C-alpha atoms as a PDB file:
ATOM      1  CA  MET A   1     132.946  90.655  28.250  1.00  0.00           C
ATOM      2  CA  ASN A   2     130.271  93.169  29.243  1.00  0.00           C
ATOM      3  CA  PRO A   3     128.640  95.205  26.448  1.00  0.00           C
ATOM      4  CA  GLY A   4     128.633  98.901  27.254  1.00  0.00           C
ATOM      5  CA  GLY A   5     131.663 100.721  28.593  1.00  0.00           C
ATOM      6  CA  LEU A   6     131.963 102.932  31.659  1.00  0.00           C
ATOM      7  CA  TYR A   7     129.414 105.726  31.822  1.00  0.00           C
ATOM      8  CA  GLY A   8     129.271 109.307  33.025  1.00  0.00           C
ATOM      9  CA  GLN A   9     131.476 110.016  36.029  1.00  0.00           C
ATOM     10  CA  ALA A  10     132.856 106.442  36.032  1.00  0.00           C
ATOM     11  CA  ARG A  11     136.205 106.494  34.201  1.00  0.00           C
ATOM     12  CA  PRO A  12     139.231 104.167  33.952  1.00  0.00           C
ATOM     13  CA  GLU A  13     141.218 106.344  36.373  1.00  0.00           C
ATOM     14  CA  ASN A  14     138.582 106.167  39.150  1.00  0.00           C
ATOM     15  CA  PHE A  15     137.116 102.697  38.515  1.00  0.00           C
ATOM     16  CA  PRO A  16     135.669 101.039  40.628  1.00  0.00           C
ATOM     17  CA  ASN A  17     135.481 103.769  43.272  1.00  0.00           C
ATOM     18  CA  VAL A  18     133.081 105.997  41.326  1.00  0.00           C
ATOM     19  CA  ASN A  19     129.819 104.828  39.791  1.00  0.00           C
ATOM     20  CA  ASP A  20     127.173 106.372  37.548  1.00  0.00           C
ATOM     21  CA  TYR A  21     123.947 105.202  35.910  1.00  0.00           C
ATOM     22  CA  ARG A  22     122.575 105.636  32.422  1.00  0.00           C
ATOM     23  CA  ASN A  23     119.055 105.700  33.853  1.00  0.00           C
ATOM     24  CA  SER A  24     118.975 106.743  37.520  1.00  0.00           C
ATOM     25  CA  VAL A  25     115.195 106.170  37.717  1.00  0.00           C
ATOM     26  CA  VAL A  26     115.535 102.533  36.666  1.00  0.00           C
ATOM     27  CA  ALA A  27     118.519 102.087  38.989  1.00  0.00           C
ATOM     28  CA  GLU A  28     116.549 103.398  41.961  1.00  0.00           C
ATOM     29  CA  MET A  29     113.542 101.247  41.032  1.00  0.00           C
ATOM     30  CA  MET A  30     115.723  98.115  40.877  1.00  0.00           C
ATOM     31  CA  LYS A  31     117.028  98.915  44.362  1.00  0.00           C
ATOM     32  CA  ASN A  32     113.539  99.495  45.765  1.00  0.00           C
ATOM     33  CA  LEU A  33     112.404  96.169  44.304  1.00  0.00           C
ATOM     34  CA  ASN A  34     115.382  94.465  46.002  1.00  0.00           C
ATOM     35  CA  TYR A  35     117.018  93.442  42.724  1.00  0.00           C
ATOM     36  CA  VAL A  36     119.943  95.637  43.779  1.00  0.00           C
ATOM     37  CA  ASN A  37     121.309  95.296  47.303  1.00  0.00           C
ATOM     38  CA  MET A  38     123.609  98.326  47.477  1.00  0.00           C
ATOM     39  CA  PHE A  39     124.972 100.747  44.896  1.00  0.00           C
ATOM     40  CA  ASN A  40     128.693 100.646  44.075  1.00  0.00           C
ATOM     41  CA  HIS A  41     129.258  97.639  46.331  1.00  0.00           C
ATOM     42  CA  GLY A  42     129.284  94.516  44.135  1.00  0.00           C
ATOM     43  CA  ILE A  43     132.860  94.630  42.809  1.00  0.00           C
ATOM     44  CA  GLY A  44     134.376  95.088  46.266  1.00  0.00           C
ATOM     45  CA  GLU A  45     132.303  92.232  47.673  1.00  0.00           C
ATOM     46  CA  VAL A  46     133.247  89.901  44.808  1.00  0.00           C
ATOM     47  CA  GLN A  47     136.927  90.701  45.371  1.00  0.00           C
ATOM     48  CA  ASP A  48     136.501  89.922  49.089  1.00  0.00           C
ATOM     49  CA  LEU A  49     134.811  86.599  48.284  1.00  0.00           C
ATOM     50  CA  LEU A  50     137.578  85.668  45.872  1.00  0.00           C
ATOM     51  CA  LYS A  51     140.142  86.505  48.552  1.00  0.00           C
ATOM     52  CA  GLU A  52     138.293  84.288  51.078  1.00  0.00           C
ATOM     53  CA  ASN A  53     138.403  81.499  48.492  1.00  0.00           C
ATOM     54  CA  GLU A  54     142.164  82.055  48.117  1.00  0.00           C
ATOM     55  CA  SER A  55     141.611  82.986  44.481  1.00  0.00           C
ATOM     56  CA  PRO A  56     143.394  85.805  42.633  1.00  0.00           C
ATOM     57  CA  LYS A  57     141.496  89.065  42.383  1.00  0.00           C
ATOM     58  CA  ALA A  58     139.276  89.584  39.350  1.00  0.00           C
ATOM     59  CA  GLU A  59     140.958  91.680  36.669  1.00  0.00           C
ATOM     60  CA  PHE A  60     138.922  94.408  34.956  1.00  0.00           C
ATOM     61  CA  ASN A  61     139.860  95.781  31.553  1.00  0.00           C
ATOM     62  CA  VAL A  62     137.990  99.066  31.207  1.00  0.00           C
ATOM     63  CA  GLY A  63     140.009 100.428  28.305  1.00  0.00           C
ATOM     64  CA  TYR A  64     137.508  99.492  25.598  1.00  0.00           C
ATOM     65  CA  LEU A  65     135.211 102.192  24.207  1.00  0.00           C
ATOM     66  CA  THR A  66     132.020 100.124  24.053  1.00  0.00           C
ATOM     67  CA  ALA A  67     132.659  97.292  26.523  1.00  0.00           C
ATOM     68  CA  PHE A  68     134.737  96.087  29.435  1.00  0.00           C
ATOM     69  CA  SER A  69     135.963  92.627  30.319  1.00  0.00           C
ATOM     70  CA  VAL A  70     136.356  90.691  33.564  1.00  0.00           C
ATOM     71  CA  VAL A  71     139.013  87.977  33.924  1.00  0.00           C
ATOM     72  CA  LEU A  72     138.846  85.328  36.662  1.00  0.00           C
ATOM     73  CA  GLN A  73     141.834  83.089  37.281  1.00  0.00           C
ATOM     74  CA  GLU A  74     141.713  79.554  38.597  1.00  0.00           C
ATOM     75  CA  PRO A  75     142.278  79.383  42.384  1.00  0.00           C
ATOM     76  CA  ASN A  76     144.734  76.497  42.020  1.00  0.00           C
ATOM     77  CA  ASP A  77     147.207  78.771  40.245  1.00  0.00           C
ATOM     78  CA  ALA A  78     147.395  81.096  43.257  1.00  0.00           C
ATOM     79  CA  GLY A  79     147.584  78.230  45.727  1.00  0.00           C
ATOM     80  CA  MET A  80     150.524  76.650  43.924  1.00  0.00           C
ATOM     81  CA  ALA A  81     152.375  79.966  43.895  1.00  0.00           C
ATOM     82  CA  ARG A  82     151.974  80.419  47.656  1.00  0.00           C
ATOM     83  CA  ASN A  83     152.768  76.892  48.816  1.00  0.00           C
ATOM     84  CA  THR A  84     156.483  76.137  48.856  1.00  0.00           C
ATOM     85  CA  ASN A  85     155.943  72.683  50.380  1.00  0.00           C
ATOM     86  CA  PRO A  86     153.706  70.313  48.341  1.00  0.00           C
ATOM     87  CA  ASP A  87     153.082  68.231  51.472  1.00  0.00           C
ATOM     88  CA  ASP A  88     151.090  71.127  52.903  1.00  0.00           C
ATOM     89  CA  GLU A  89     148.266  70.144  50.559  1.00  0.00           C
ATOM     90  CA  LEU A  90     147.788  66.969  52.605  1.00  0.00           C
ATOM     91  CA  ASP A  91     146.946  68.972  55.724  1.00  0.00           C
ATOM     92  CA  LYS A  92     143.716  70.541  54.528  1.00  0.00           C
ATOM     93  CA  SER A  93     141.033  70.846  57.199  1.00  0.00           C
ATOM     94  CA  GLU A  94     137.410  69.854  56.693  1.00  0.00           C
ATOM     95  CA  SER A  95     136.442  73.449  55.981  1.00  0.00           C
ATOM     96  CA  GLU A  96     139.064  73.694  53.268  1.00  0.00           C
ATOM     97  CA  THR A  97     137.497  70.804  51.376  1.00  0.00           C
ATOM     98  CA  THR A  98     134.675  73.178  50.520  1.00  0.00           C
ATOM     99  CA  LYS A  99     137.039  75.372  48.492  1.00  0.00           C
ATOM    100  CA  LEU A 100     135.867  75.831  44.915  1.00  0.00           C
ATOM    101  CA  GLY A 101     137.734  73.978  42.207  1.00  0.00           C
ATOM    102  CA  ASP A 102     136.737  75.821  39.046  1.00  0.00           C
ATOM    103  CA  ILE A 103     134.988  78.947  40.257  1.00  0.00           C
ATOM    104  CA  LYS A 104     134.204  80.266  36.789  1.00  0.00           C
ATOM    105  CA  ASN A 105     132.283  77.184  35.667  1.00  0.00           C
ATOM    106  CA  MET A 106     130.522  76.814  39.010  1.00  0.00           C
ATOM    107  CA  VAL A 107     129.328  80.411  38.931  1.00  0.00           C
ATOM    108  CA  GLN A 108     128.078  79.899  35.373  1.00  0.00           C
ATOM    109  CA  ILE A 109     126.184  76.726  36.343  1.00  0.00           C
ATOM    110  CA  LEU A 110     124.415  78.377  39.262  1.00  0.00           C
ATOM    111  CA  SER A 111     123.682  81.651  37.467  1.00  0.00           C
ATOM    112  CA  GLN A 112     121.903  79.670  34.736  1.00  0.00           C
ATOM    113  CA  SER A 113     119.923  77.658  37.282  1.00  0.00           C
ATOM    114  CA  CYS A 114     119.040  80.675  39.430  1.00  0.00           C
ATOM    115  CA  PRO A 115     119.063  83.948  37.422  1.00  0.00           C
ATOM    116  CA  LYS A 116     117.698  85.887  40.405  1.00  0.00           C
ATOM    117  CA  LEU A 117     120.972  85.487  42.302  1.00  0.00           C
ATOM    118  CA  SER A 118     123.115  88.592  42.012  1.00  0.00           C
ATOM    119  CA  GLN A 119     126.751  88.202  40.975  1.00  0.00           C
ATOM    120  CA  ALA A 120     127.867  89.280  44.437  1.00  0.00           C
ATOM    121  CA  TYR A 121     126.084  86.345  46.114  1.00  0.00           C
ATOM    122  CA  LEU A 122     126.666  83.481  43.674  1.00  0.00           C
ATOM    123  CA  ILE A 123     129.647  82.143  45.613  1.00  0.00           C
ATOM    124  CA  LYS A 124     127.730  82.254  48.902  1.00  0.00           C
ATOM    125  CA  ALA A 125     124.898  80.346  47.212  1.00  0.00           C
ATOM    126  CA  ILE A 126     127.355  77.707  45.966  1.00  0.00           C
ATOM    127  CA  MET A 127     128.704  77.327  49.486  1.00  0.00           C
ATOM    128  CA  ALA A 128     125.137  77.003  50.816  1.00  0.00           C
ATOM    129  CA  ILE A 129     124.324  74.208  48.364  1.00  0.00           C
ATOM    130  CA  LYS A 130     127.540  72.406  49.292  1.00  0.00           C
ATOM    131  CA  ALA A 131     126.695  72.764  52.990  1.00  0.00           C
ATOM    132  CA  ILE A 132     123.186  71.370  52.611  1.00  0.00           C
ATOM    133  CA  LYS A 133     124.011  68.395  50.340  1.00  0.00           C
ATOM    134  CA  ASP A 134     121.557  65.564  51.089  1.00  0.00           C
ATOM    135  CA  GLN A 135     120.712  66.809  54.588  1.00  0.00           C
ATOM    136  CA  THR A 136     118.227  69.170  56.189  1.00  0.00           C
ATOM    137  CA  VAL A 137     120.209  71.962  57.817  1.00  0.00           C
ATOM    138  CA  PRO A 138     119.331  75.056  59.886  1.00  0.00           C
ATOM    139  CA  LEU A 139     120.127  78.591  58.848  1.00  0.00           C
ATOM    140  CA  SER A 140     122.956  78.684  61.391  1.00  0.00           C
ATOM    141  CA  CYS A 141     124.846  76.015  59.426  1.00  0.00           C
ATOM    142  CA  ILE A 142     124.576  77.981  56.173  1.00  0.00           C
ATOM    143  CA  LEU A 143     125.668  81.155  57.971  1.00  0.00           C
ATOM    144  CA  LYS A 144     128.706  79.387  59.400  1.00  0.00           C
ATOM    145  CA  ILE A 145     129.907  77.879  56.121  1.00  0.00           C
ATOM    146  CA  ASN A 146     129.710  81.351  54.556  1.00  0.00           C
ATOM    147  CA  ASN A 147     131.311  83.126  57.504  1.00  0.00           C
ATOM    148  CA  GLU A 148     128.203  85.334  57.505  1.00  0.00           C
ATOM    149  CA  LYS A 149     126.607  86.870  60.617  1.00  0.00           C
ATOM    150  CA  ASN A 150     123.706  88.757  59.056  1.00  0.00           C
ATOM    151  CA  LYS A 151     120.737  86.346  58.863  1.00  0.00           C
ATOM    152  CA  THR A 152     118.470  88.786  57.057  1.00  0.00           C
ATOM    153  CA  ARG A 153     121.037  89.553  54.364  1.00  0.00           C
ATOM    154  CA  LEU A 154     121.772  85.873  53.692  1.00  0.00           C
ATOM    155  CA  ARG A 155     118.091  84.931  53.659  1.00  0.00           C
ATOM    156  CA  LYS A 156     117.204  87.786  51.319  1.00  0.00           C
ATOM    157  CA  ASN A 157     120.104  87.511  48.878  1.00  0.00           C
ATOM    158  CA  VAL A 158     120.840  83.766  48.871  1.00  0.00           C
ATOM    159  CA  LEU A 159     118.031  81.623  50.253  1.00  0.00           C
ATOM    160  CA  ILE A 160     114.968  83.410  48.875  1.00  0.00           C
ATOM    161  CA  PRO A 161     116.267  83.497  45.258  1.00  0.00           C
ATOM    162  CA  MET A 162     116.980  79.748  45.472  1.00  0.00           C
ATOM    163  CA  LEU A 163     113.585  79.073  47.070  1.00  0.00           C
ATOM    164  CA  ASP A 164     111.886  81.005  44.261  1.00  0.00           C
ATOM    165  CA  VAL A 165     113.332  78.698  41.578  1.00  0.00           C
ATOM    166  CA  ASN A 166     112.871  75.534  43.673  1.00  0.00           C
ATOM    167  CA  LEU A 167     116.569  74.774  44.187  1.00  0.00           C
ATOM    168  CA  ILE A 168     115.958  74.466  47.927  1.00  0.00           C
ATOM    169  CA  ALA A 169     112.882  74.000  50.107  1.00  0.00           C
ATOM    170  CA  MET A 170     111.920  74.566  53.747  1.00  0.00           C
ATOM    171  CA  THR A 171     110.801  71.975  56.252  1.00  0.00           C
ATOM    172  CA  HIS A 172     108.169  74.482  57.431  1.00  0.00           C
ATOM    173  CA  PRO A 173     107.159  76.262  54.206  1.00  0.00           C
ATOM    174  CA  ASP A 174     104.055  77.883  55.706  1.00  0.00           C
ATOM    175  CA  THR A 175     106.089  79.464  58.523  1.00  0.00           C
ATOM    176  CA  PRO A 176     109.330  80.843  57.060  1.00  0.00           C
ATOM    177  CA  ARG A 177     110.510  82.148  60.461  1.00  0.00           C
ATOM    178  CA  HIS A 178     109.720  78.924  62.295  1.00  0.00           C
ATOM    179  CA  PRO A 179     112.255  78.394  65.133  1.00  0.00           C
ATOM    180  CA  GLN A 180     112.910  74.840  63.922  1.00  0.00           C
ATOM    181  CA  GLN A 181     113.154  75.829  60.264  1.00  0.00           C
ATOM    182  CA  LYS A 182     115.576  73.864  58.155  1.00  0.00           C
ATOM    183  CA  TYR A 183     116.490  73.809  54.476  1.00  0.00           C
ATOM    184  CA  TYR A 184     117.076  70.956  52.052  1.00  0.00           C
ATOM    185  CA  LEU A 185     117.890  70.529  48.375  1.00  0.00           C
ATOM    186  CA  THR A 186     115.063  69.660  46.001  1.00  0.00           C
ATOM    187  CA  ASP A 187     115.579  67.227  43.136  1.00  0.00           C
ATOM    188  CA  LEU A 188     116.616  70.208  41.017  1.00  0.00           C
ATOM    189  CA  GLY A 189     118.995  71.373  43.738  1.00  0.00           C
ATOM    190  CA  LEU A 190     120.562  67.914  43.999  1.00  0.00           C
ATOM    191  CA  ALA A 191     121.080  67.908  40.219  1.00  0.00           C
ATOM    192  CA  VAL A 192     122.844  71.288  40.454  1.00  0.00           C
ATOM    193  CA  LEU A 193     124.951  70.002  43.366  1.00  0.00           C
ATOM    194  CA  LYS A 194     126.024  67.057  41.216  1.00  0.00           C
ATOM    195  CA  GLN A 195     127.137  69.438  38.464  1.00  0.00           C
ATOM    196  CA  LEU A 196     129.072  71.571  40.962  1.00  0.00           C
ATOM    197  CA  GLU A 197     130.808  68.529  42.427  1.00  0.00           C
ATOM    198  CA  GLN A 198     131.798  67.339  38.960  1.00  0.00           C
ATOM    199  CA  GLU A 199     133.384  70.727  38.283  1.00  0.00           C
ATOM    200  CA  ASN A 200     135.168  70.552  41.636  1.00  0.00           C
ATOM    201  CA  LYS A 201     136.776  67.229  40.705  1.00  0.00           C
ATOM    202  CA  GLN A 202     138.049  68.344  37.303  1.00  0.00           C
END
């Protein structure tokens, strides 16, 4: 549940295609400070990420006067509805083992550990942590697991927020763009990974 309903030009009949801001100066400042990546983009990106994860789309209830709610469904529910043959579950590839078990709880765990991560990039950050595990991995590995081609965007929106709160570290911290740069989980990052894996097993 999000306190504060739709504002200005944003109405139930045009949500989420039209956006508006209570304070346009603050909104522009947040964007210039890189706390906001792109206006009117987050909901569409979250829906795309949920689709990649084979999860149902998020449901938005914007009918309240002073709030709106977001409902996320468990990915297993959608998978069971699509699969007519239970034996198909036995044929999962290695990449499919990275699918998120309980996406809601995982997102909550990581958002508490790393408040600087925007909602649109929490799932990519979870996938990055799962890719790194107890190894040191290059940026190319994290890009691949996230099906992401834009290095700058991933570094800015996923890696830097996690570096800032010491979830991950670099093998060459004094040279961020080092050609042999790799990333690894800190003790804090390993503790978060353990929590995520426990959620995945439940």
